[in-house]
Amino acid sequence: MKKVMFICKHYSRRSQMAEGFAKTLGEGKIAVFSSGLASSEVDPISVQVMSEIGIDISNQSSKALSDFNPEDFYAVISLCGCGVNLPEAWVLRDVFADWQLDYPEGHDIDTFRRVRDEVKERVIQLITDLS
């Protein structure tokens, strides 16, 4: 099973959504992990908009990228344009993508919902591409 790492700078919104979608939609197809350049808590609005569609991310925790070995991962997905800040070993995986999604913090809940839906579309495509 191919291992996927979702990475985001602040690691409390987009990458947490991606992890939730990938674990739910990719169960049995991919192994899913996420981490951040900075540790933080899962944003309560992210938890809310994911629960609206039946995915619970409230128990996900913040993990530092330094806790993982890049060679263990087939695919690395940056969700915030932070790819330029990653150590080279992370960018040189078999699959690397920088999704450049909008940063929802400070915006209304509809922005969180739009970003959630964009994350879902991209995760579905990723699972298809890796299967």
C-alpha atoms as a PDB file:
ATOM      1  CA  MET A   1       0.000   0.000   0.000  1.00  0.00           C
ATOM      2  CA  LYS A   2       1.419   3.400  -0.985  1.00  0.00           C
ATOM      3  CA  LYS A   3       2.074   5.836   1.843  1.00  0.00           C
ATOM      4  CA  VAL A   4       0.905   9.435   1.440  1.00  0.00           C
ATOM      5  CA  MET A   5       2.011  12.430   3.530  1.00  0.00           C
ATOM      6  CA  PHE A   6      -0.069  15.616   3.578  1.00  0.00           C
ATOM      7  CA  ILE A   7       1.928  18.640   4.740  1.00  0.00           C
ATOM      8  CA  CYS A   8       0.815  22.144   5.593  1.00  0.00           C
ATOM      9  CA  LYS A   9       2.621  25.036   7.248  1.00  0.00           C
ATOM     10  CA  HIS A  10       0.085  25.762   9.987  1.00  0.00           C
ATOM     11  CA  TYR A  11      -1.317  22.221   9.979  1.00  0.00           C
ATOM     12  CA  SER A  12      -4.722  22.847  11.491  1.00  0.00           C
ATOM     13  CA  ARG A  13      -7.127  23.126   8.556  1.00  0.00           C
ATOM     14  CA  ARG A  14      -6.427  21.968   4.982  1.00  0.00           C
ATOM     15  CA  SER A  15      -4.035  19.114   5.768  1.00  0.00           C
ATOM     16  CA  GLN A  16      -6.319  17.892   8.547  1.00  0.00           C
ATOM     17  CA  MET A  17      -9.242  17.870   6.081  1.00  0.00           C
ATOM     18  CA  ALA A  18      -7.104  16.012   3.522  1.00  0.00           C
ATOM     19  CA  GLU A  19      -6.104  13.413   6.097  1.00  0.00           C
ATOM     20  CA  GLY A  20      -9.747  12.896   7.062  1.00  0.00           C
ATOM     21  CA  PHE A  21     -10.886  12.495   3.453  1.00  0.00           C
ATOM     22  CA  ALA A  22      -7.989  10.242   2.488  1.00  0.00           C
ATOM     23  CA  LYS A  23      -8.435   7.939   5.484  1.00  0.00           C
ATOM     24  CA  THR A  24     -12.169   7.666   4.782  1.00  0.00           C
ATOM     25  CA  LEU A  25     -12.194   7.520   0.962  1.00  0.00           C
ATOM     26  CA  GLY A  26      -8.862   5.734   0.550  1.00  0.00           C
ATOM     27  CA  GLU A  27      -9.316   3.094   3.223  1.00  0.00           C
ATOM     28  CA  GLY A  28      -7.581  -0.092   2.093  1.00  0.00           C
ATOM     29  CA  LYS A  29      -6.032   1.715  -0.892  1.00  0.00           C
ATOM     30  CA  ILE A  30      -3.461   4.095   0.615  1.00  0.00           C
ATOM     31  CA  ALA A  31      -1.802   4.627   3.993  1.00  0.00           C
ATOM     32  CA  VAL A  32      -2.353   8.215   5.144  1.00  0.00           C
ATOM     33  CA  PHE A  33      -0.303  10.544   7.329  1.00  0.00           C
ATOM     34  CA  SER A  34      -0.143  14.295   7.837  1.00  0.00           C
ATOM     35  CA  SER A  35       2.237  16.698   9.470  1.00  0.00           C
ATOM     36  CA  GLY A  36       3.104  20.339   9.722  1.00  0.00           C
ATOM     37  CA  LEU A  37       6.004  22.713   9.588  1.00  0.00           C
ATOM     38  CA  ALA A  38       4.615  24.095  12.848  1.00  0.00           C
ATOM     39  CA  SER A  39       2.571  22.183  15.409  1.00  0.00           C
ATOM     40  CA  SER A  40      -0.900  23.383  16.270  1.00  0.00           C
ATOM     41  CA  GLU A  41      -4.405  22.242  17.155  1.00  0.00           C
ATOM     42  CA  VAL A  42      -7.107  21.198  14.700  1.00  0.00           C
ATOM     43  CA  ASP A  43      -9.246  24.251  13.939  1.00  0.00           C
ATOM     44  CA  PRO A  44     -12.759  23.820  15.435  1.00  0.00           C
ATOM     45  CA  ILE A  45     -14.344  25.208  12.243  1.00  0.00           C
ATOM     46  CA  SER A  46     -12.513  22.548  10.211  1.00  0.00           C
ATOM     47  CA  VAL A  47     -13.862  19.907  12.588  1.00  0.00           C
ATOM     48  CA  GLN A  48     -17.370  21.372  12.157  1.00  0.00           C
ATOM     49  CA  VAL A  49     -17.382  21.473   8.340  1.00  0.00           C
ATOM     50  CA  MET A  50     -16.012  17.938   8.117  1.00  0.00           C
ATOM     51  CA  SER A  51     -18.610  16.652  10.591  1.00  0.00           C
ATOM     52  CA  GLU A  52     -21.315  18.207   8.386  1.00  0.00           C
ATOM     53  CA  ILE A  53     -20.438  15.569   5.784  1.00  0.00           C
ATOM     54  CA  GLY A  54     -19.978  12.710   8.247  1.00  0.00           C
ATOM     55  CA  ILE A  55     -16.186  12.729   8.739  1.00  0.00           C
ATOM     56  CA  ASP A  56     -14.867  13.147  12.272  1.00  0.00           C
ATOM     57  CA  ILE A  57     -11.403  14.737  12.456  1.00  0.00           C
ATOM     58  CA  SER A  58     -11.731  15.842  16.085  1.00  0.00           C
ATOM     59  CA  ASN A  59      -9.304  13.153  17.295  1.00  0.00           C
ATOM     60  CA  GLN A  60      -6.574  13.963  14.789  1.00  0.00           C
ATOM     61  CA  SER A  61      -3.491  15.463  16.340  1.00  0.00           C
ATOM     62  CA  SER A  62      -0.658  17.710  15.291  1.00  0.00           C
ATOM     63  CA  LYS A  63       2.548  15.935  14.279  1.00  0.00           C
ATOM     64  CA  ALA A  64       5.865  17.522  13.326  1.00  0.00           C
ATOM     65  CA  LEU A  65       7.352  16.754   9.908  1.00  0.00           C
ATOM     66  CA  SER A  66      10.668  16.037  11.633  1.00  0.00           C
ATOM     67  CA  ASP A  67       9.056  12.968  13.267  1.00  0.00           C
ATOM     68  CA  PHE A  68       8.887  11.239   9.862  1.00  0.00           C
ATOM     69  CA  ASN A  69      11.387   9.877   7.324  1.00  0.00           C
ATOM     70  CA  PRO A  70      10.759  11.133   3.751  1.00  0.00           C
ATOM     71  CA  GLU A  71      12.018   7.867   2.231  1.00  0.00           C
ATOM     72  CA  ASP A  72       9.041   6.083   3.826  1.00  0.00           C
ATOM     73  CA  PHE A  73       6.565   7.931   1.584  1.00  0.00           C
ATOM     74  CA  TYR A  74       5.586   7.411  -2.039  1.00  0.00           C
ATOM     75  CA  ALA A  75       3.545  10.616  -2.341  1.00  0.00           C
ATOM     76  CA  VAL A  76       3.939  13.979  -0.620  1.00  0.00           C
ATOM     77  CA  ILE A  77       1.226  16.608  -0.967  1.00  0.00           C
ATOM     78  CA  SER A  78       1.703  20.186   0.187  1.00  0.00           C
ATOM     79  CA  LEU A  79      -1.574  22.003   0.753  1.00  0.00           C
ATOM     80  CA  CYS A  80      -0.417  25.565   1.179  1.00  0.00           C
ATOM     81  CA  GLY A  81       2.363  26.360  -1.210  1.00  0.00           C
ATOM     82  CA  CYS A  82       4.882  25.375   1.469  1.00  0.00           C
ATOM     83  CA  GLY A  83       6.662  23.016  -0.910  1.00  0.00           C
ATOM     84  CA  VAL A  84       9.347  25.628  -1.415  1.00  0.00           C
ATOM     85  CA  ASN A  85      10.089  25.496   2.335  1.00  0.00           C
ATOM     86  CA  LEU A  86      10.393  21.711   2.553  1.00  0.00           C
ATOM     87  CA  PRO A  87      13.701  19.884   2.820  1.00  0.00           C
ATOM     88  CA  GLU A  88      14.671  18.554  -0.609  1.00  0.00           C
ATOM     89  CA  ALA A  89      14.195  14.899   0.378  1.00  0.00           C
ATOM     90  CA  TRP A  90      10.447  15.532   0.785  1.00  0.00           C
ATOM     91  CA  VAL A  91      10.071  17.193  -2.613  1.00  0.00           C
ATOM     92  CA  LEU A  92      11.924  14.382  -4.424  1.00  0.00           C
ATOM     93  CA  ARG A  93       9.426  11.614  -3.659  1.00  0.00           C
ATOM     94  CA  ASP A  94       7.880   9.583  -6.519  1.00  0.00           C
ATOM     95  CA  VAL A  95       4.846  11.873  -6.402  1.00  0.00           C
ATOM     96  CA  PHE A  96       5.047  15.459  -5.175  1.00  0.00           C
ATOM     97  CA  ALA A  97       2.288  18.047  -5.580  1.00  0.00           C
ATOM     98  CA  ASP A  98       1.730  21.512  -4.177  1.00  0.00           C
ATOM     99  CA  TRP A  99      -2.037  22.077  -4.223  1.00  0.00           C
ATOM    100  CA  GLN A 100      -1.918  25.816  -3.359  1.00  0.00           C
ATOM    101  CA  LEU A 101      -5.339  25.927  -1.701  1.00  0.00           C
ATOM    102  CA  ASP A 102      -6.778  29.090  -0.155  1.00  0.00           C
ATOM    103  CA  TYR A 103      -6.070  29.640   3.530  1.00  0.00           C
ATOM    104  CA  PRO A 104      -9.495  29.687   5.248  1.00  0.00           C
ATOM    105  CA  GLU A 105      -8.464  31.087   8.649  1.00  0.00           C
ATOM    106  CA  GLY A 106     -10.160  34.391   9.360  1.00  0.00           C
ATOM    107  CA  HIS A 107     -12.848  33.815   6.736  1.00  0.00           C
ATOM    108  CA  ASP A 108     -16.485  32.801   7.130  1.00  0.00           C
ATOM    109  CA  ILE A 109     -17.684  29.220   7.339  1.00  0.00           C
ATOM    110  CA  ASP A 110     -18.646  29.205   3.650  1.00  0.00           C
ATOM    111  CA  THR A 111     -14.965  29.662   2.793  1.00  0.00           C
ATOM    112  CA  PHE A 112     -14.108  26.655   4.979  1.00  0.00           C
ATOM    113  CA  ARG A 113     -16.808  24.653   3.165  1.00  0.00           C
ATOM    114  CA  ARG A 114     -15.476  25.677  -0.263  1.00  0.00           C
ATOM    115  CA  VAL A 115     -11.906  24.734   0.700  1.00  0.00           C
ATOM    116  CA  ARG A 116     -13.200  21.443   2.178  1.00  0.00           C
ATOM    117  CA  ASP A 117     -14.921  20.609  -1.116  1.00  0.00           C
ATOM    118  CA  GLU A 118     -11.782  21.480  -3.113  1.00  0.00           C
ATOM    119  CA  VAL A 119      -9.698  19.257  -0.834  1.00  0.00           C
ATOM    120  CA  LYS A 120     -12.185  16.405  -1.325  1.00  0.00           C
ATOM    121  CA  GLU A 121     -12.009  16.652  -5.143  1.00  0.00           C
ATOM    122  CA  ARG A 122      -8.218  16.593  -5.095  1.00  0.00           C
ATOM    123  CA  VAL A 123      -8.057  13.688  -2.616  1.00  0.00           C
ATOM    124  CA  ILE A 124     -10.444  11.644  -4.783  1.00  0.00           C
ATOM    125  CA  GLN A 125      -8.223  12.316  -7.823  1.00  0.00           C
ATOM    126  CA  LEU A 126      -5.088  11.434  -5.849  1.00  0.00           C
ATOM    127  CA  ILE A 127      -6.554   8.112  -4.706  1.00  0.00           C
ATOM    128  CA  THR A 128      -7.528   7.329  -8.307  1.00  0.00           C
ATOM    129  CA  ASP A 129      -4.060   8.218  -9.575  1.00  0.00           C
ATOM    130  CA  LEU A 130      -2.323   6.093  -6.949  1.00  0.00           C
ATOM    131  CA  SER A 131      -4.606   3.051  -7.256  1.00  0.00           C
END
